Amino acid sequence: DEAVSVLLPQTPQKVRQLLQLTFVKPIK
């Protein structure tokens, strides 16, 4: 369920969390 909340983000905060999780150097 936590994976779903990150991989299918519904808020800008969750999108930023997804970027942190998937990129070594995410867009700041």
PDB file of all heavy atoms in Angstrom:
ATOM      1  N   ASP A   1       0.826  -1.212   0.000  1.00  0.00           N
ATOM      2  CA  ASP A   1       0.000   0.000   0.000  1.00  0.00           C
ATOM      3  C   ASP A   1       0.857   1.257   0.000  1.00  0.00           C
ATOM      4  O   ASP A   1       0.527   2.251  -0.669  1.00  0.00           O
ATOM      5  CB  ASP A   1      -0.937   0.001   1.208  1.00  0.00           C
ATOM      6  CG  ASP A   1      -2.091  -0.978   1.048  1.00  0.00           C
ATOM      7  OD1 ASP A   1      -2.364  -1.388  -0.100  1.00  0.00           O
ATOM      8  OD2 ASP A   1      -2.709  -1.347   2.064  1.00  0.00           O
ATOM      9  N   GLU A   2       1.965   1.235   0.745  1.00  0.00           N
ATOM     10  CA  GLU A   2       2.868   2.386   0.739  1.00  0.00           C
ATOM     11  C   GLU A   2       3.526   2.539  -0.629  1.00  0.00           C
ATOM     12  O   GLU A   2       3.711   3.663  -1.121  1.00  0.00           O
ATOM     13  CB  GLU A   2       3.933   2.237   1.820  1.00  0.00           C
ATOM     14  CG  GLU A   2       4.828   3.463   1.951  1.00  0.00           C
ATOM     15  CD  GLU A   2       5.902   3.311   3.021  1.00  0.00           C
ATOM     16  OE1 GLU A   2       5.845   2.332   3.803  1.00  0.00           O
ATOM     17  OE2 GLU A   2       6.809   4.172   3.064  1.00  0.00           O
ATOM     18  N   ALA A   3       3.865   1.412  -1.254  1.00  0.00           N
ATOM     19  CA  ALA A   3       4.433   1.465  -2.604  1.00  0.00           C
ATOM     20  C   ALA A   3       3.449   2.100  -3.575  1.00  0.00           C
ATOM     21  O   ALA A   3       3.828   2.927  -4.415  1.00  0.00           O
ATOM     22  CB  ALA A   3       4.809   0.065  -3.068  1.00  0.00           C
ATOM     23  N   VAL A   4       2.179   1.739  -3.459  1.00  0.00           N
ATOM     24  CA  VAL A   4       1.146   2.306  -4.322  1.00  0.00           C
ATOM     25  C   VAL A   4       1.063   3.815  -4.140  1.00  0.00           C
ATOM     26  O   VAL A   4       0.958   4.572  -5.113  1.00  0.00           O
ATOM     27  CB  VAL A   4      -0.221   1.645  -4.034  1.00  0.00           C
ATOM     28  CG1 VAL A   4      -1.349   2.444  -4.687  1.00  0.00           C
ATOM     29  CG2 VAL A   4      -0.232   0.206  -4.519  1.00  0.00           C
ATOM     30  N   SER A   5       1.127   4.284  -2.895  1.00  0.00           N
ATOM     31  CA  SER A   5       0.993   5.718  -2.626  1.00  0.00           C
ATOM     32  C   SER A   5       2.127   6.526  -3.246  1.00  0.00           C
ATOM     33  O   SER A   5       1.944   7.701  -3.579  1.00  0.00           O
ATOM     34  CB  SER A   5       0.945   5.969  -1.112  1.00  0.00           C
ATOM     35  OG  SER A   5       2.222   5.778  -0.518  1.00  0.00           O
ATOM     36  N   VAL A   6       3.297   5.887  -3.438  1.00  0.00           N
ATOM     37  CA  VAL A   6       4.439   6.579  -4.040  1.00  0.00           C
ATOM     38  C   VAL A   6       4.438   6.420  -5.561  1.00  0.00           C
ATOM     39  O   VAL A   6       4.647   7.375  -6.306  1.00  0.00           O
ATOM     40  CB  VAL A   6       5.759   6.056  -3.452  1.00  0.00           C
ATOM     41  CG1 VAL A   6       6.956   6.727  -4.137  1.00  0.00           C
ATOM     42  CG2 VAL A   6       5.814   6.304  -1.953  1.00  0.00           C
ATOM     43  N   LEU A   7       4.201   5.194  -6.025  1.00  0.00           N
ATOM     44  CA  LEU A   7       4.260   4.919  -7.458  1.00  0.00           C
ATOM     45  C   LEU A   7       3.072   5.503  -8.220  1.00  0.00           C
ATOM     46  O   LEU A   7       3.165   5.766  -9.420  1.00  0.00           O
ATOM     47  CB  LEU A   7       4.336   3.413  -7.698  1.00  0.00           C
ATOM     48  CG  LEU A   7       5.598   2.718  -7.171  1.00  0.00           C
ATOM     49  CD1 LEU A   7       5.496   1.212  -7.353  1.00  0.00           C
ATOM     50  CD2 LEU A   7       6.844   3.254  -7.865  1.00  0.00           C
ATOM     51  N   LEU A   8       1.970   5.704  -7.517  1.00  0.00           N
ATOM     52  CA  LEU A   8       0.788   6.335  -8.121  1.00  0.00           C
ATOM     53  C   LEU A   8       0.462   7.595  -7.329  1.00  0.00           C
ATOM     54  O   LEU A   8      -0.570   7.689  -6.665  1.00  0.00           O
ATOM     55  CB  LEU A   8      -0.402   5.365  -8.104  1.00  0.00           C
ATOM     56  CG  LEU A   8      -0.188   4.000  -8.772  1.00  0.00           C
ATOM     57  CD1 LEU A   8      -1.416   3.129  -8.588  1.00  0.00           C
ATOM     58  CD2 LEU A   8       0.154   4.165 -10.243  1.00  0.00           C
ATOM     59  N   PRO A   9       1.319   8.607  -7.391  1.00  0.00           N
ATOM     60  CA  PRO A   9       1.196   9.774  -6.504  1.00  0.00           C
ATOM     61  C   PRO A   9      -0.064  10.579  -6.776  1.00  0.00           C
ATOM     62  O   PRO A   9      -0.473  10.764  -7.920  1.00  0.00           O
ATOM     63  CB  PRO A   9       2.453  10.587  -6.830  1.00  0.00           C
ATOM     64  CG  PRO A   9       2.796  10.208  -8.237  1.00  0.00           C
ATOM     65  CD  PRO A   9       2.442   8.752  -8.344  1.00  0.00           C
ATOM     66  N   GLN A  10      -0.650  11.081  -5.696  1.00  0.00           N
ATOM     67  CA  GLN A  10      -1.858  11.884  -5.805  1.00  0.00           C
ATOM     68  C   GLN A  10      -1.666  13.297  -5.258  1.00  0.00           C
ATOM     69  O   GLN A  10      -2.608  14.102  -5.276  1.00  0.00           O
ATOM     70  CB  GLN A  10      -3.016  11.197  -5.070  1.00  0.00           C
ATOM     71  CG  GLN A  10      -3.379   9.830  -5.639  1.00  0.00           C
ATOM     72  CD  GLN A  10      -3.840   9.907  -7.084  1.00  0.00           C
ATOM     73  OE1 GLN A  10      -4.885  10.500  -7.385  1.00  0.00           O
ATOM     74  NE2 GLN A  10      -3.079   9.302  -7.992  1.00  0.00           N
ATOM     75  N   THR A  11      -0.465  13.601  -4.769  1.00  0.00           N
ATOM     76  CA  THR A  11      -0.152  14.942  -4.283  1.00  0.00           C
ATOM     77  C   THR A  11       1.240  15.333  -4.781  1.00  0.00           C
ATOM     78  O   THR A  11       2.076  14.460  -5.055  1.00  0.00           O
ATOM     79  CB  THR A  11      -0.151  15.005  -2.745  1.00  0.00           C
ATOM     80  OG1 THR A  11       0.939  14.196  -2.238  1.00  0.00           O
ATOM     81  CG2 THR A  11      -1.468  14.497  -2.165  1.00  0.00           C
ATOM     82  N   PRO A  12       1.519  16.638  -4.903  1.00  0.00           N
ATOM     83  CA  PRO A  12       2.868  17.064  -5.291  1.00  0.00           C
ATOM     84  C   PRO A  12       3.949  16.511  -4.365  1.00  0.00           C
ATOM     85  O   PRO A  12       5.049  16.173  -4.830  1.00  0.00           O
ATOM     86  CB  PRO A  12       2.780  18.599  -5.215  1.00  0.00           C
ATOM     87  CG  PRO A  12       1.349  18.897  -5.508  1.00  0.00           C
ATOM     88  CD  PRO A  12       0.580  17.790  -4.836  1.00  0.00           C
ATOM     89  N   GLN A  13       3.661  16.425  -3.087  1.00  0.00           N
ATOM     90  CA  GLN A  13       4.638  15.873  -2.148  1.00  0.00           C
ATOM     91  C   GLN A  13       5.000  14.440  -2.506  1.00  0.00           C
ATOM     92  O   GLN A  13       6.167  14.048  -2.447  1.00  0.00           O
ATOM     93  CB  GLN A  13       4.084  15.924  -0.720  1.00  0.00           C
ATOM     94  CG  GLN A  13       5.044  15.361   0.327  1.00  0.00           C
ATOM     95  CD  GLN A  13       4.436  15.352   1.722  1.00  0.00           C
ATOM     96  OE1 GLN A  13       3.293  15.765   1.917  1.00  0.00           O
ATOM     97  NE2 GLN A  13       5.202  14.878   2.696  1.00  0.00           N
ATOM     98  N   LYS A  14       4.004  13.651  -2.907  1.00  0.00           N
ATOM     99  CA  LYS A  14       4.265  12.257  -3.273  1.00  0.00           C
ATOM    100  C   LYS A  14       5.033  12.169  -4.594  1.00  0.00           C
ATOM    101  O   LYS A  14       5.866  11.274  -4.779  1.00  0.00           O
ATOM    102  CB  LYS A  14       2.955  11.479  -3.370  1.00  0.00           C
ATOM    103  CG  LYS A  14       2.334  11.141  -2.024  1.00  0.00           C
ATOM    104  CD  LYS A  14       3.224  10.193  -1.219  1.00  0.00           C
ATOM    105  CE  LYS A  14       2.599   9.795   0.095  1.00  0.00           C
ATOM    106  NZ  LYS A  14       3.479   8.885   0.881  1.00  0.00           N
ATOM    107  N   VAL A  15       4.794  13.099  -5.522  1.00  0.00           N
ATOM    108  CA  VAL A  15       5.571  13.113  -6.760  1.00  0.00           C
ATOM    109  C   VAL A  15       7.036  13.389  -6.444  1.00  0.00           C
ATOM    110  O   VAL A  15       7.947  12.745  -6.991  1.00  0.00           O
ATOM    111  CB  VAL A  15       5.033  14.150  -7.761  1.00  0.00           C
ATOM    112  CG1 VAL A  15       5.916  14.179  -9.010  1.00  0.00           C
ATOM    113  CG2 VAL A  15       3.593  13.840  -8.139  1.00  0.00           C
ATOM    114  N   ARG A  16       7.276  14.339  -5.549  1.00  0.00           N
ATOM    115  CA  ARG A  16       8.659  14.644  -5.165  1.00  0.00           C
ATOM    116  C   ARG A  16       9.307  13.446  -4.480  1.00  0.00           C
ATOM    117  O   ARG A  16      10.495  13.160  -4.683  1.00  0.00           O
ATOM    118  CB  ARG A  16       8.688  15.876  -4.252  1.00  0.00           C
ATOM    119  CG  ARG A  16       8.290  17.168  -4.970  1.00  0.00           C
ATOM    120  CD  ARG A  16       8.478  18.398  -4.096  1.00  0.00           C
ATOM    121  NE  ARG A  16       8.181  19.619  -4.834  1.00  0.00           N
ATOM    122  CZ  ARG A  16       7.045  20.279  -4.771  1.00  0.00           C
ATOM    123  NH1 ARG A  16       6.064  19.849  -3.958  1.00  0.00           N
ATOM    124  NH2 ARG A  16       6.852  21.380  -5.485  1.00  0.00           N
ATOM    125  N   GLN A  17       8.536  12.731  -3.673  1.00  0.00           N
ATOM    126  CA  GLN A  17       9.053  11.512  -3.035  1.00  0.00           C
ATOM    127  C   GLN A  17       9.395  10.459  -4.090  1.00  0.00           C
ATOM    128  O   GLN A  17      10.417   9.771  -3.985  1.00  0.00           O
ATOM    129  CB  GLN A  17       8.022  10.960  -2.055  1.00  0.00           C
ATOM    130  CG  GLN A  17       8.527   9.767  -1.245  1.00  0.00           C
ATOM    131  CD  GLN A  17       7.480   9.282  -0.244  1.00  0.00           C
ATOM    132  OE1 GLN A  17       6.473   9.939   0.024  1.00  0.00           O
ATOM    133  NE2 GLN A  17       7.717   8.106   0.318  1.00  0.00           N
ATOM    134  N   LEU A  18       8.554  10.368  -5.131  1.00  0.00           N
ATOM    135  CA  LEU A  18       8.828   9.429  -6.215  1.00  0.00           C
ATOM    136  C   LEU A  18      10.111   9.792  -6.952  1.00  0.00           C
ATOM    137  O   LEU A  18      10.925   8.920  -7.280  1.00  0.00           O
ATOM    138  CB  LEU A  18       7.646   9.419  -7.192  1.00  0.00           C
ATOM    139  CG  LEU A  18       7.788   8.530  -8.435  1.00  0.00           C
ATOM    140  CD1 LEU A  18       7.946   7.068  -8.049  1.00  0.00           C
ATOM    141  CD2 LEU A  18       6.576   8.714  -9.353  1.00  0.00           C
ATOM    142  N   LEU A  19      10.321  11.079  -7.199  1.00  0.00           N
ATOM    143  CA  LEU A  19      11.550  11.519  -7.855  1.00  0.00           C
ATOM    144  C   LEU A  19      12.777  11.198  -7.015  1.00  0.00           C
ATOM    145  O   LEU A  19      13.814  10.772  -7.533  1.00  0.00           O
ATOM    146  CB  LEU A  19      11.485  13.018  -8.143  1.00  0.00           C
ATOM    147  CG  LEU A  19      10.436  13.471  -9.172  1.00  0.00           C
ATOM    148  CD1 LEU A  19      10.387  14.993  -9.245  1.00  0.00           C
ATOM    149  CD2 LEU A  19      10.734  12.882 -10.541  1.00  0.00           C
ATOM    150  N   GLN A  20      12.684  11.386  -5.706  1.00  0.00           N
ATOM    151  CA  GLN A  20      13.785  11.051  -4.804  1.00  0.00           C
ATOM    152  C   GLN A  20      14.090   9.558  -4.829  1.00  0.00           C
ATOM    153  O   GLN A  20      15.239   9.140  -4.706  1.00  0.00           O
ATOM    154  CB  GLN A  20      13.439  11.477  -3.373  1.00  0.00           C
ATOM    155  CG  GLN A  20      13.365  12.977  -3.148  1.00  0.00           C
ATOM    156  CD  GLN A  20      14.736  13.639  -3.158  1.00  0.00           C
ATOM    157  OE1 GLN A  20      15.750  13.001  -2.891  1.00  0.00           O
ATOM    158  NE2 GLN A  20      14.765  14.933  -3.458  1.00  0.00           N
ATOM    159  N   LEU A  21      13.061   8.766  -5.019  1.00  0.00           N
ATOM    160  CA  LEU A  21      13.216   7.313  -4.991  1.00  0.00           C
ATOM    161  C   LEU A  21      13.793   6.766  -6.293  1.00  0.00           C
ATOM    162  O   LEU A  21      14.499   5.757  -6.283  1.00  0.00           O
ATOM    163  CB  LEU A  21      11.852   6.665  -4.720  1.00  0.00           C
ATOM    164  CG  LEU A  21      11.823   5.169  -4.379  1.00  0.00           C
ATOM    165  CD1 LEU A  21      12.494   4.906  -3.041  1.00  0.00           C
ATOM    166  CD2 LEU A  21      10.380   4.663  -4.366  1.00  0.00           C
ATOM    167  N   THR A  22      13.529   7.431  -7.406  1.00  0.00           N
ATOM    168  CA  THR A  22      13.870   6.862  -8.709  1.00  0.00           C
ATOM    169  C   THR A  22      15.090   7.488  -9.379  1.00  0.00           C
ATOM    170  O   THR A  22      15.615   6.914 -10.330  1.00  0.00           O
ATOM    171  CB  THR A  22      12.670   6.974  -9.672  1.00  0.00           C
ATOM    172  OG1 THR A  22      12.208   8.328  -9.713  1.00  0.00           O
ATOM    173  CG2 THR A  22      11.529   6.077  -9.206  1.00  0.00           C
ATOM    174  N   PHE A  23      15.548   8.653  -8.886  1.00  0.00           N
ATOM    175  CA  PHE A  23      16.710   9.319  -9.469  1.00  0.00           C
ATOM    176  C   PHE A  23      17.829   9.445  -8.451  1.00  0.00           C
ATOM    177  O   PHE A  23      17.576   9.711  -7.273  1.00  0.00           O
ATOM    178  CB  PHE A  23      16.343  10.729  -9.952  1.00  0.00           C
ATOM    179  CG  PHE A  23      15.490  10.761 -11.183  1.00  0.00           C
ATOM    180  CD1 PHE A  23      14.112  10.610 -11.095  1.00  0.00           C
ATOM    181  CD2 PHE A  23      16.059  10.945 -12.425  1.00  0.00           C
ATOM    182  CE1 PHE A  23      13.317  10.642 -12.222  1.00  0.00           C
ATOM    183  CE2 PHE A  23      15.275  10.986 -13.574  1.00  0.00           C
ATOM    184  CZ  PHE A  23      13.896  10.827 -13.469  1.00  0.00           C
ATOM    185  N   VAL A  24      19.073   9.296  -8.909  1.00  0.00           N
ATOM    186  CA  VAL A  24      20.216   9.582  -8.053  1.00  0.00           C
ATOM    187  C   VAL A  24      20.319  11.079  -7.820  1.00  0.00           C
ATOM    188  O   VAL A  24      20.597  11.539  -6.709  1.00  0.00           O
ATOM    189  CB  VAL A  24      21.518   9.034  -8.681  1.00  0.00           C
ATOM    190  CG1 VAL A  24      22.744   9.533  -7.910  1.00  0.00           C
ATOM    191  CG2 VAL A  24      21.496   7.506  -8.692  1.00  0.00           C
ATOM    192  N   LYS A  25      20.085  11.856  -8.887  1.00  0.00           N
ATOM    193  CA  LYS A  25      20.116  13.316  -8.786  1.00  0.00           C
ATOM    194  C   LYS A  25      18.786  13.879  -9.293  1.00  0.00           C
ATOM    195  O   LYS A  25      18.683  14.335 -10.437  1.00  0.00           O
ATOM    196  CB  LYS A  25      21.281  13.886  -9.598  1.00  0.00           C
ATOM    197  CG  LYS A  25      22.646  13.491  -9.070  1.00  0.00           C
ATOM    198  CD  LYS A  25      23.756  14.103  -9.913  1.00  0.00           C
ATOM    199  CE  LYS A  25      25.130  13.731  -9.365  1.00  0.00           C
ATOM    200  NZ  LYS A  25      26.228  14.317 -10.181  1.00  0.00           N
ATOM    201  N   PRO A  26      17.763  13.847  -8.467  1.00  0.00           N
ATOM    202  CA  PRO A  26      16.457  14.356  -8.902  1.00  0.00           C
ATOM    203  C   PRO A  26      16.484  15.862  -9.098  1.00  0.00           C
ATOM    204  O   PRO A  26      17.305  16.573  -8.513  1.00  0.00           O
ATOM    205  CB  PRO A  26      15.526  13.966  -7.747  1.00  0.00           C
ATOM    206  CG  PRO A  26      16.430  13.863  -6.558  1.00  0.00           C
ATOM    207  CD  PRO A  26      17.736  13.358  -7.083  1.00  0.00           C
ATOM    208  N   ILE A  27      15.599  16.342  -9.946  1.00  0.00           N
ATOM    209  CA  ILE A  27      15.457  17.785 -10.139  1.00  0.00           C
ATOM    210  C   ILE A  27      15.103  18.421  -8.796  1.00  0.00           C
ATOM    211  O   ILE A  27      14.183  17.974  -8.109  1.00  0.00           O
ATOM    212  CB  ILE A  27      14.367  18.083 -11.178  1.00  0.00           C
ATOM    213  CG1 ILE A  27      14.736  17.428 -12.516  1.00  0.00           C
ATOM    214  CG2 ILE A  27      14.185  19.587 -11.352  1.00  0.00           C
ATOM    215  CD1 ILE A  27      13.639  17.537 -13.558  1.00  0.00           C
ATOM    216  N   LYS A  28      15.842  19.450  -8.424  1.00  0.00           N
ATOM    217  CA  LYS A  28      15.663  20.023  -7.088  1.00  0.00           C
ATOM    218  C   LYS A  28      14.395  20.866  -6.975  1.00  0.00           C
ATOM    219  O   LYS A  28      13.770  20.915  -5.923  1.00  0.00           O
ATOM    220  CB  LYS A  28      16.893  20.861  -6.719  1.00  0.00           C
ATOM    221  CG  LYS A  28      18.146  20.019  -6.496  1.00  0.00           C
ATOM    222  CD  LYS A  28      19.306  20.876  -6.026  1.00  0.00           C
ATOM    223  CE  LYS A  28      20.540  20.018  -5.740  1.00  0.00           C
ATOM    224  NZ  LYS A  28      21.682  20.834  -5.274  1.00  0.00           N
TER     225      LYS A  28
END
